[in-house]
Amino acid sequence: MIIVPGRSNGAPTSQRGDTFTGTVWADPVVPASDDIVVNTVFFQPGARTFWHQHERGQLLHVLAGGGLICTAGEPPRRIRPGDVVWVPPGERHWHGASGETFLAHLAVSLGTT
């Protein structure tokens, strides 16, 4: 069992722009291991990921705000707090905040991205 202490001030610790458009913060929930990455991700309004895919899939759990997710060849779909999204292995997609509000989600990424 591993217990990872919470942050006392709740502030995001890492800002990354290399795989996003707009301002996005990604905080690791636990250290990456066994090709599994678990992050809490906060998107400012209008910020999104680039098109990408995951070798073994991705699970998103929307925590707050509102956003969009889009699979290649399909129109974007709205996601809201409480929604859980499973993106199958190899499916090309993007996700992020709508233009009207921020988005916070938990992302569990399996395999290489």
Protein backbone atom coordinates (compact mmCIF):
# COMPACT_ATOMS: atom_id res chain seq x y z
CA MET A 1 0.00 0.00 0.00
CA ILE A 2 1.19 3.52 -0.77
CA ILE A 3 -0.29 6.65 0.76
CA VAL A 4 0.61 9.85 -1.04
CA PRO A 5 0.16 12.87 1.27
CA GLY A 6 -2.14 15.58 -0.05
CA ARG A 7 -0.88 19.08 -0.73
CA SER A 8 -1.67 21.51 2.06
CA ASN A 9 -2.54 24.44 -0.22
CA GLY A 10 -4.12 22.48 -3.10
CA ALA A 11 -2.12 24.44 -5.71
CA PRO A 12 -1.06 22.69 -8.91
CA THR A 13 2.66 21.92 -8.99
CA SER A 14 3.45 21.57 -12.67
CA GLN A 15 2.51 23.58 -15.72
CA ARG A 16 3.08 21.93 -19.09
CA GLY A 17 2.58 23.35 -22.55
CA ASP A 18 4.30 20.74 -24.72
CA THR A 19 1.18 18.63 -25.32
CA PHE A 20 -1.53 21.25 -24.79
CA THR A 21 -2.90 24.40 -26.31
CA GLY A 22 -3.72 27.10 -23.75
CA THR A 23 -2.82 26.97 -20.07
CA VAL A 24 -2.99 23.57 -18.40
CA TRP A 25 -1.66 22.22 -15.11
CA ALA A 26 -1.06 18.50 -14.59
CA ASP A 27 -0.29 17.10 -11.15
CA PRO A 28 0.76 13.49 -10.66
CA VAL A 29 -1.53 11.67 -8.23
CA VAL A 30 0.93 8.81 -7.72
CA PRO A 31 4.37 8.17 -9.23
CA ALA A 32 4.15 6.69 -12.74
CA SER A 33 4.75 2.95 -12.78
CA ASP A 34 4.07 -0.07 -14.99
CA ASP A 35 3.22 2.24 -17.94
CA ILE A 36 0.36 3.77 -15.93
CA VAL A 37 0.21 7.53 -15.43
CA VAL A 38 -2.40 9.07 -13.10
CA ASN A 39 -2.74 12.87 -13.14
CA THR A 40 -5.20 15.47 -11.99
CA VAL A 41 -5.39 17.92 -14.90
CA PHE A 42 -6.77 21.49 -14.77
CA PHE A 43 -7.54 23.30 -18.04
CA GLN A 44 -8.26 27.03 -18.19
CA PRO A 45 -11.27 27.93 -20.40
CA GLY A 46 -10.57 26.99 -24.01
CA ALA A 47 -7.40 24.99 -23.22
CA ARG A 48 -7.14 21.50 -24.71
CA THR A 49 -4.83 18.59 -25.37
CA PHE A 50 -3.31 18.09 -28.81
CA TRP A 51 -4.64 15.16 -30.83
CA HIS A 52 -3.20 12.01 -29.24
CA GLN A 53 -3.79 8.33 -28.52
CA HIS A 54 -2.88 5.88 -25.77
CA GLU A 55 -1.37 2.47 -26.36
CA ARG A 56 -3.68 0.74 -23.86
CA GLY A 57 -6.43 3.35 -23.47
CA GLN A 58 -7.31 6.20 -21.13
CA LEU A 59 -9.90 6.72 -18.40
CA LEU A 60 -11.08 10.26 -17.63
CA HIS A 61 -13.18 11.20 -14.59
CA VAL A 62 -14.52 14.77 -14.75
CA LEU A 63 -14.17 16.42 -11.33
CA ALA A 64 -15.32 20.02 -11.92
CA GLY A 65 -16.15 22.57 -14.60
CA GLY A 66 -17.10 21.45 -18.07
CA GLY A 67 -15.41 20.43 -21.25
CA LEU A 68 -15.33 18.66 -24.54
CA ILE A 69 -13.89 15.41 -25.85
CA CYS A 70 -13.54 14.56 -29.52
CA THR A 71 -12.68 11.34 -31.34
CA ALA A 72 -11.18 11.70 -34.83
CA GLY A 73 -13.94 11.85 -37.45
CA GLU A 74 -16.71 12.67 -34.96
CA PRO A 75 -18.09 15.94 -33.54
CA PRO A 76 -16.94 17.03 -30.05
CA ARG A 77 -19.09 15.85 -27.13
CA ARG A 78 -19.72 17.70 -23.86
CA ILE A 79 -18.39 16.28 -20.59
CA ARG A 80 -19.60 17.37 -17.14
CA PRO A 81 -18.72 16.73 -13.48
CA GLY A 82 -19.24 13.09 -12.58
CA ASP A 83 -18.86 11.84 -16.17
CA VAL A 84 -16.44 8.96 -16.68
CA VAL A 85 -15.03 8.49 -20.17
CA TRP A 86 -13.21 5.41 -21.46
CA VAL A 87 -11.09 6.04 -24.56
CA PRO A 88 -10.17 2.67 -26.14
CA PRO A 89 -6.56 1.76 -27.00
CA GLY A 90 -5.26 3.58 -30.08
CA GLU A 91 -8.28 5.88 -30.48
CA ARG A 92 -7.10 9.31 -31.69
CA HIS A 93 -8.75 12.04 -29.61
CA TRP A 94 -8.44 15.36 -27.76
CA HIS A 95 -10.09 16.72 -24.60
CA GLY A 96 -10.19 19.97 -22.68
CA ALA A 97 -12.21 22.84 -21.29
CA SER A 98 -15.08 24.47 -23.12
CA GLY A 99 -14.71 28.14 -23.99
CA GLU A 100 -17.04 29.13 -21.15
CA THR A 101 -15.52 27.36 -18.14
CA PHE A 102 -12.50 25.54 -16.75
CA LEU A 103 -12.21 21.74 -16.65
CA ALA A 104 -10.65 19.54 -13.98
CA HIS A 105 -10.39 15.81 -14.56
CA LEU A 106 -8.54 12.79 -13.28
CA ALA A 107 -6.71 11.08 -16.16
CA VAL A 108 -5.52 7.47 -15.99
CA SER A 109 -3.35 6.84 -19.06
CA LEU A 110 -2.31 3.29 -19.91
CA GLY A 111 0.81 2.55 -21.95
CA THR A 112 2.63 5.09 -24.09
CA THR A 113 0.89 8.23 -25.30
